Every structure is written in C-alpha cells, then in structure tokens.
Amino acid sequence: AVSPEKGPRYYLSPGHRVRVKDIAKIV
C-alpha cells in the first residue's frame, strides 16, 4: 500500500515478471 503525502492510498502488486521487492524501487 502506498500512502502519498497528497491523495488517497493505493495498492500495488506484481502482475507478471516483477517481484514484490522491486515494487518499492519502481515507485
């Protein structure tokens, strides 16, 4: 879950060929 300073929280999860641990780096 990502909670930006402005705006609502949103949720990220891998679909294909992306690892969970890479999501934070991509964001």
PDB file of all heavy atoms in Angstrom:
ATOM      1  N   ALA A   1       0.882  -1.158   0.000  1.00  0.00           N
ATOM      2  CA  ALA A   1       0.000   0.000   0.000  1.00  0.00           C
ATOM      3  C   ALA A   1       0.922   1.211   0.000  1.00  0.00           C
ATOM      4  O   ALA A   1       1.945   1.220   0.681  1.00  0.00           O
ATOM      5  CB  ALA A   1      -0.874   0.009   1.243  1.00  0.00           C
ATOM      6  N   VAL A   2       0.566   2.211  -0.799  1.00  0.00           N
ATOM      7  CA  VAL A   2       1.355   3.434  -0.856  1.00  0.00           C
ATOM      8  C   VAL A   2       0.473   4.574  -0.385  1.00  0.00           C
ATOM      9  O   VAL A   2      -0.637   4.758  -0.892  1.00  0.00           O
ATOM     10  CB  VAL A   2       1.874   3.713  -2.288  1.00  0.00           C
ATOM     11  CG1 VAL A   2       2.681   4.995  -2.317  1.00  0.00           C
ATOM     12  CG2 VAL A   2       2.693   2.547  -2.799  1.00  0.00           C
ATOM     13  N   SER A   3       0.959   5.318   0.587  1.00  0.00           N
ATOM     14  CA  SER A   3       0.231   6.470   1.120  1.00  0.00           C
ATOM     15  C   SER A   3       0.998   7.737   0.753  1.00  0.00           C
ATOM     16  O   SER A   3       1.934   8.132   1.455  1.00  0.00           O
ATOM     17  CB  SER A   3       0.092   6.370   2.636  1.00  0.00           C
ATOM     18  OG  SER A   3      -0.656   5.231   2.987  1.00  0.00           O
ATOM     19  N   PRO A   4       0.625   8.359  -0.367  1.00  0.00           N
ATOM     20  CA  PRO A   4       1.331   9.581  -0.760  1.00  0.00           C
ATOM     21  C   PRO A   4       0.988  10.730   0.190  1.00  0.00           C
ATOM     22  O   PRO A   4       0.000  10.658   0.934  1.00  0.00           O
ATOM     23  CB  PRO A   4       0.819   9.861  -2.172  1.00  0.00           C
ATOM     24  CG  PRO A   4      -0.469   9.140  -2.275  1.00  0.00           C
ATOM     25  CD  PRO A   4      -0.418   7.998  -1.306  1.00  0.00           C
ATOM     26  N   GLU A   5       1.812  11.781   0.169  1.00  0.00           N
ATOM     27  CA  GLU A   5       1.538  12.944   1.024  1.00  0.00           C
ATOM     28  C   GLU A   5       0.193  13.564   0.681  1.00  0.00           C
ATOM     29  O   GLU A   5      -0.536  14.000   1.554  1.00  0.00           O
ATOM     30  CB  GLU A   5       2.647  13.981   0.886  1.00  0.00           C
ATOM     31  CG  GLU A   5       3.933  13.561   1.567  1.00  0.00           C
ATOM     32  CD  GLU A   5       4.986  14.641   1.526  1.00  0.00           C
ATOM     33  OE1 GLU A   5       4.649  15.840   1.401  1.00  0.00           O
ATOM     34  OE2 GLU A   5       6.166  14.283   1.623  1.00  0.00           O
ATOM     35  N   LYS A   6      -0.123  13.619  -0.606  1.00  0.00           N
ATOM     36  CA  LYS A   6      -1.404  14.160  -1.054  1.00  0.00           C
ATOM     37  C   LYS A   6      -2.146  13.062  -1.807  1.00  0.00           C
ATOM     38  O   LYS A   6      -1.560  12.336  -2.591  1.00  0.00           O
ATOM     39  CB  LYS A   6      -1.197  15.355  -1.988  1.00  0.00           C
ATOM     40  CG  LYS A   6      -0.521  16.521  -1.319  1.00  0.00           C
ATOM     41  CD  LYS A   6      -0.305  17.658  -2.285  1.00  0.00           C
ATOM     42  CE  LYS A   6       0.438  18.793  -1.617  1.00  0.00           C
ATOM     43  NZ  LYS A   6       0.736  19.866  -2.561  1.00  0.00           N
ATOM     44  N   GLY A   7      -3.411  12.948  -1.582  1.00  0.00           N
ATOM     45  CA  GLY A   7      -4.210  11.957  -2.291  1.00  0.00           C
ATOM     46  C   GLY A   7      -4.412  10.688  -1.488  1.00  0.00           C
ATOM     47  O   GLY A   7      -3.758  10.463  -0.464  1.00  0.00           O
ATOM     48  N   PRO A   8      -5.313   9.851  -1.969  1.00  0.00           N
ATOM     49  CA  PRO A   8      -5.650   8.620  -1.242  1.00  0.00           C
ATOM     50  C   PRO A   8      -4.591   7.527  -1.396  1.00  0.00           C
ATOM     51  O   PRO A   8      -3.788   7.538  -2.332  1.00  0.00           O
ATOM     52  CB  PRO A   8      -6.969   8.195  -1.884  1.00  0.00           C
ATOM     53  CG  PRO A   8      -6.921   8.765  -3.256  1.00  0.00           C
ATOM     54  CD  PRO A   8      -6.146  10.048  -3.151  1.00  0.00           C
ATOM     55  N   ARG A   9      -4.636   6.597  -0.484  1.00  0.00           N
ATOM     56  CA  ARG A   9      -3.772   5.419  -0.536  1.00  0.00           C
ATOM     57  C   ARG A   9      -4.139   4.589  -1.763  1.00  0.00           C
ATOM     58  O   ARG A   9      -5.287   4.526  -2.170  1.00  0.00           O
ATOM     59  CB  ARG A   9      -3.986   4.597   0.731  1.00  0.00           C
ATOM     60  CG  ARG A   9      -3.204   3.299   0.760  1.00  0.00           C
ATOM     61  CD  ARG A   9      -3.542   2.474   1.968  1.00  0.00           C
ATOM     62  NE  ARG A   9      -3.074   3.159   3.160  1.00  0.00           N
ATOM     63  CZ  ARG A   9      -3.588   2.972   4.369  1.00  0.00           C
ATOM     64  NH1 ARG A   9      -4.590   2.142   4.557  1.00  0.00           N
ATOM     65  NH2 ARG A   9      -3.107   3.620   5.401  1.00  0.00           N
ATOM     66  N   TYR A  10      -3.154   3.934  -2.338  1.00  0.00           N
ATOM     67  CA  TYR A  10      -3.407   2.988  -3.423  1.00  0.00           C
ATOM     68  C   TYR A  10      -2.553   1.747  -3.198  1.00  0.00           C
ATOM     69  O   TYR A  10      -1.679   1.736  -2.321  1.00  0.00           O
ATOM     70  CB  TYR A  10      -3.182   3.625  -4.800  1.00  0.00           C
ATOM     71  CG  TYR A  10      -1.773   4.112  -5.064  1.00  0.00           C
ATOM     72  CD1 TYR A  10      -0.859   3.319  -5.738  1.00  0.00           C
ATOM     73  CD2 TYR A  10      -1.362   5.378  -4.658  1.00  0.00           C
ATOM     74  CE1 TYR A  10       0.428   3.766  -5.986  1.00  0.00           C
ATOM     75  CE2 TYR A  10      -0.087   5.830  -4.905  1.00  0.00           C
ATOM     76  CZ  TYR A  10       0.800   5.019  -5.575  1.00  0.00           C
ATOM     77  OH  TYR A  10       2.077   5.458  -5.821  1.00  0.00           O
ATOM     78  N   TYR A  11      -2.814   0.695  -3.961  1.00  0.00           N
ATOM     79  CA  TYR A  11      -2.252  -0.621  -3.690  1.00  0.00           C
ATOM     80  C   TYR A  11      -1.557  -1.171  -4.926  1.00  0.00           C
ATOM     81  O   TYR A  11      -2.110  -1.145  -6.027  1.00  0.00           O
ATOM     82  CB  TYR A  11      -3.368  -1.577  -3.246  1.00  0.00           C
ATOM     83  CG  TYR A  11      -4.121  -1.005  -2.069  1.00  0.00           C
ATOM     84  CD1 TYR A  11      -5.211  -0.161  -2.254  1.00  0.00           C
ATOM     85  CD2 TYR A  11      -3.702  -1.264  -0.770  1.00  0.00           C
ATOM     86  CE1 TYR A  11      -5.882   0.401  -1.181  1.00  0.00           C
ATOM     87  CE2 TYR A  11      -4.369  -0.708   0.314  1.00  0.00           C
ATOM     88  CZ  TYR A  11      -5.447   0.127   0.095  1.00  0.00           C
ATOM     89  OH  TYR A  11      -6.096   0.681   1.164  1.00  0.00           O
ATOM     90  N   LEU A  12      -0.356  -1.674  -4.748  1.00  0.00           N
ATOM     91  CA  LEU A  12       0.448  -2.206  -5.835  1.00  0.00           C
ATOM     92  C   LEU A  12       0.763  -3.672  -5.587  1.00  0.00           C
ATOM     93  O   LEU A  12       1.102  -4.044  -4.459  1.00  0.00           O
ATOM     94  CB  LEU A  12       1.773  -1.444  -5.932  1.00  0.00           C
ATOM     95  CG  LEU A  12       1.691   0.057  -6.150  1.00  0.00           C
ATOM     96  CD1 LEU A  12       3.035   0.697  -5.874  1.00  0.00           C
ATOM     97  CD2 LEU A  12       1.270   0.332  -7.573  1.00  0.00           C
ATOM     98  N   SER A  13       0.663  -4.467  -6.635  1.00  0.00           N
ATOM     99  CA  SER A  13       1.086  -5.858  -6.516  1.00  0.00           C
ATOM    100  C   SER A  13       1.592  -6.343  -7.865  1.00  0.00           C
ATOM    101  O   SER A  13       1.161  -5.862  -8.917  1.00  0.00           O
ATOM    102  CB  SER A  13      -0.039  -6.757  -6.002  1.00  0.00           C
ATOM    103  OG  SER A  13      -1.130  -6.790  -6.876  1.00  0.00           O
ATOM    104  N   PRO A  14       2.544  -7.280  -7.846  1.00  0.00           N
ATOM    105  CA  PRO A  14       3.103  -7.790  -9.091  1.00  0.00           C
ATOM    106  C   PRO A  14       2.042  -8.453  -9.957  1.00  0.00           C
ATOM    107  O   PRO A  14       1.131  -9.109  -9.446  1.00  0.00           O
ATOM    108  CB  PRO A  14       4.119  -8.842  -8.637  1.00  0.00           C
ATOM    109  CG  PRO A  14       4.369  -8.568  -7.210  1.00  0.00           C
ATOM    110  CD  PRO A  14       3.129  -7.918  -6.681  1.00  0.00           C
ATOM    111  N   GLY A  15       2.190  -8.259 -11.242  1.00  0.00           N
ATOM    112  CA  GLY A  15       1.344  -8.956 -12.193  1.00  0.00           C
ATOM    113  C   GLY A  15       2.129 -10.090 -12.822  1.00  0.00           C
ATOM    114  O   GLY A  15       1.855 -11.266 -12.615  1.00  0.00           O
ATOM    115  N   HIS A  16       3.176  -9.731 -13.568  1.00  0.00           N
ATOM    116  CA  HIS A  16       3.968 -10.720 -14.296  1.00  0.00           C
ATOM    117  C   HIS A  16       5.392 -10.189 -14.433  1.00  0.00           C
ATOM    118  O   HIS A  16       5.580  -9.008 -14.737  1.00  0.00           O
ATOM    119  CB  HIS A  16       3.341 -10.945 -15.673  1.00  0.00           C
ATOM    120  CG  HIS A  16       4.067 -11.915 -16.552  1.00  0.00           C
ATOM    121  ND1 HIS A  16       4.196 -13.235 -16.221  1.00  0.00           N
ATOM    122  CD2 HIS A  16       4.692 -11.755 -17.743  1.00  0.00           C
ATOM    123  CE1 HIS A  16       4.864 -13.859 -17.193  1.00  0.00           C
ATOM    124  NE2 HIS A  16       5.186 -12.972 -18.110  1.00  0.00           N
ATOM    125  N   ARG A  17       6.371 -11.030 -14.181  1.00  0.00           N
ATOM    126  CA  ARG A  17       7.790 -10.715 -14.349  1.00  0.00           C
ATOM    127  C   ARG A  17       8.247  -9.509 -13.526  1.00  0.00           C
ATOM    128  O   ARG A  17       9.172  -8.802 -13.912  1.00  0.00           O
ATOM    129  CB  ARG A  17       8.136 -10.546 -15.824  1.00  0.00           C
ATOM    130  CG  ARG A  17       8.017 -11.845 -16.594  1.00  0.00           C
ATOM    131  CD  ARG A  17       8.295 -11.723 -18.066  1.00  0.00           C
ATOM    132  NE  ARG A  17       9.530 -10.991 -18.329  1.00  0.00           N
ATOM    133  CZ  ARG A  17       9.824 -10.443 -19.506  1.00  0.00           C
ATOM    134  NH1 ARG A  17       8.985 -10.543 -20.498  1.00  0.00           N
ATOM    135  NH2 ARG A  17      10.953  -9.806 -19.679  1.00  0.00           N
ATOM    136  N   VAL A  18       7.595  -9.276 -12.400  1.00  0.00           N
ATOM    137  CA  VAL A  18       8.001  -8.252 -11.440  1.00  0.00           C
ATOM    138  C   VAL A  18       7.941  -8.905 -10.062  1.00  0.00           C
ATOM    139  O   VAL A  18       6.985  -9.604  -9.754  1.00  0.00           O
ATOM    140  CB  VAL A  18       7.061  -7.020 -11.477  1.00  0.00           C
ATOM    141  CG1 VAL A  18       7.416  -6.034 -10.370  1.00  0.00           C
ATOM    142  CG2 VAL A  18       7.105  -6.338 -12.837  1.00  0.00           C
ATOM    143  N   ARG A  19       8.969  -8.680  -9.267  1.00  0.00           N
ATOM    144  CA  ARG A  19       8.992  -9.232  -7.911  1.00  0.00           C
ATOM    145  C   ARG A  19       8.433  -8.210  -6.929  1.00  0.00           C
ATOM    146  O   ARG A  19       8.541  -7.001  -7.157  1.00  0.00           O
ATOM    147  CB  ARG A  19      10.420  -9.605  -7.515  1.00  0.00           C
ATOM    148  CG  ARG A  19      11.021 -10.675  -8.423  1.00  0.00           C
ATOM    149  CD  ARG A  19      12.446 -10.932  -8.090  1.00  0.00           C
ATOM    150  NE  ARG A  19      13.219  -9.694  -8.296  1.00  0.00           N
ATOM    151  CZ  ARG A  19      14.534  -9.617  -8.205  1.00  0.00           C
ATOM    152  NH1 ARG A  19      15.242 -10.680  -7.892  1.00  0.00           N
ATOM    153  NH2 ARG A  19      15.165  -8.485  -8.408  1.00  0.00           N
ATOM    154  N   VAL A  20       7.867  -8.694  -5.848  1.00  0.00           N
ATOM    155  CA  VAL A  20       7.323  -7.803  -4.822  1.00  0.00           C
ATOM    156  C   VAL A  20       8.404  -6.826  -4.358  1.00  0.00           C
ATOM    157  O   VAL A  20       8.154  -5.625  -4.228  1.00  0.00           O
ATOM    158  CB  VAL A  20       6.756  -8.600  -3.620  1.00  0.00           C
ATOM    159  CG1 VAL A  20       6.394  -7.671  -2.487  1.00  0.00           C
ATOM    160  CG2 VAL A  20       5.559  -9.425  -4.034  1.00  0.00           C
ATOM    161  N   LYS A  21       9.605  -7.324  -4.126  1.00  0.00           N
ATOM    162  CA  LYS A  21      10.661  -6.454  -3.595  1.00  0.00           C
ATOM    163  C   LYS A  21      11.069  -5.362  -4.580  1.00  0.00           C
ATOM    164  O   LYS A  21      11.646  -4.357  -4.172  1.00  0.00           O
ATOM    165  CB  LYS A  21      11.865  -7.276  -3.155  1.00  0.00           C
ATOM    166  CG  LYS A  21      12.644  -7.921  -4.269  1.00  0.00           C
ATOM    167  CD  LYS A  21      13.806  -8.710  -3.682  1.00  0.00           C
ATOM    168  CE  LYS A  21      14.718  -9.231  -4.770  1.00  0.00           C
ATOM    169  NZ  LYS A  21      15.894  -9.886  -4.190  1.00  0.00           N
ATOM    170  N   ASP A  22      10.773  -5.521  -5.855  1.00  0.00           N
ATOM    171  CA  ASP A  22      11.117  -4.493  -6.848  1.00  0.00           C
ATOM    172  C   ASP A  22      10.108  -3.349  -6.891  1.00  0.00           C
ATOM    173  O   ASP A  22      10.414  -2.274  -7.402  1.00  0.00           O
ATOM    174  CB  ASP A  22      11.224  -5.113  -8.243  1.00  0.00           C
ATOM    175  CG  ASP A  22      12.374  -6.096  -8.341  1.00  0.00           C
ATOM    176  OD1 ASP A  22      13.376  -5.918  -7.617  1.00  0.00           O
ATOM    177  OD2 ASP A  22      12.261  -7.042  -9.135  1.00  0.00           O
ATOM    178  N   ILE A  23       8.923  -3.574  -6.376  1.00  0.00           N
ATOM    179  CA  ILE A  23       7.866  -2.557  -6.467  1.00  0.00           C
ATOM    180  C   ILE A  23       8.260  -1.266  -5.772  1.00  0.00           C
ATOM    181  O   ILE A  23       8.078  -0.185  -6.313  1.00  0.00           O
ATOM    182  CB  ILE A  23       6.529  -3.108  -5.935  1.00  0.00           C
ATOM    183  CG1 ILE A  23       5.984  -4.138  -6.939  1.00  0.00           C
ATOM    184  CG2 ILE A  23       5.524  -1.988  -5.716  1.00  0.00           C
ATOM    185  CD1 ILE A  23       4.707  -4.802  -6.501  1.00  0.00           C
ATOM    186  N   ALA A  24       8.843  -1.357  -4.578  1.00  0.00           N
ATOM    187  CA  ALA A  24       9.236  -0.143  -3.847  1.00  0.00           C
ATOM    188  C   ALA A  24      10.259   0.654  -4.651  1.00  0.00           C
ATOM    189  O   ALA A  24      10.179   1.885  -4.725  1.00  0.00           O
ATOM    190  CB  ALA A  24       9.781  -0.503  -2.472  1.00  0.00           C
ATOM    191  N   LYS A  25      11.200  -0.019  -5.288  1.00  0.00           N
ATOM    192  CA  LYS A  25      12.206   0.673  -6.105  1.00  0.00           C
ATOM    193  C   LYS A  25      11.556   1.359  -7.305  1.00  0.00           C
ATOM    194  O   LYS A  25      11.912   2.479  -7.651  1.00  0.00           O
ATOM    195  CB  LYS A  25      13.258  -0.328  -6.598  1.00  0.00           C
ATOM    196  CG  LYS A  25      14.091  -0.946  -5.513  1.00  0.00           C
ATOM    197  CD  LYS A  25      14.996  -2.006  -6.112  1.00  0.00           C
ATOM    198  CE  LYS A  25      15.537  -2.907  -5.032  1.00  0.00           C
ATOM    199  NZ  LYS A  25      16.197  -4.083  -5.589  1.00  0.00           N
ATOM    200  N   ILE A  26      10.615   0.686  -7.921  1.00  0.00           N
ATOM    201  CA  ILE A  26       9.935   1.248  -9.090  1.00  0.00           C
ATOM    202  C   ILE A  26       9.131   2.483  -8.689  1.00  0.00           C
ATOM    203  O   ILE A  26       9.162   3.501  -9.374  1.00  0.00           O
ATOM    204  CB  ILE A  26       9.054   0.180  -9.770  1.00  0.00           C
ATOM    205  CG1 ILE A  26       9.955  -0.891 -10.410  1.00  0.00           C
ATOM    206  CG2 ILE A  26       8.129   0.814 -10.811  1.00  0.00           C
ATOM    207  CD1 ILE A  26       9.234  -2.137 -10.849  1.00  0.00           C
ATOM    208  N   VAL A  27       8.439   2.420  -7.565  1.00  0.00           N
ATOM    209  CA  VAL A  27       7.648   3.562  -7.094  1.00  0.00           C
ATOM    210  C   VAL A  27       8.560   4.740  -6.777  1.00  0.00           C
ATOM    211  O   VAL A  27       8.235   5.889  -7.090  1.00  0.00           O
ATOM    212  CB  VAL A  27       6.784   3.189  -5.878  1.00  0.00           C
ATOM    213  CG1 VAL A  27       6.170   4.421  -5.235  1.00  0.00           C
ATOM    214  CG2 VAL A  27       5.699   2.216  -6.287  1.00  0.00           C
TER     215      VAL A  27
END
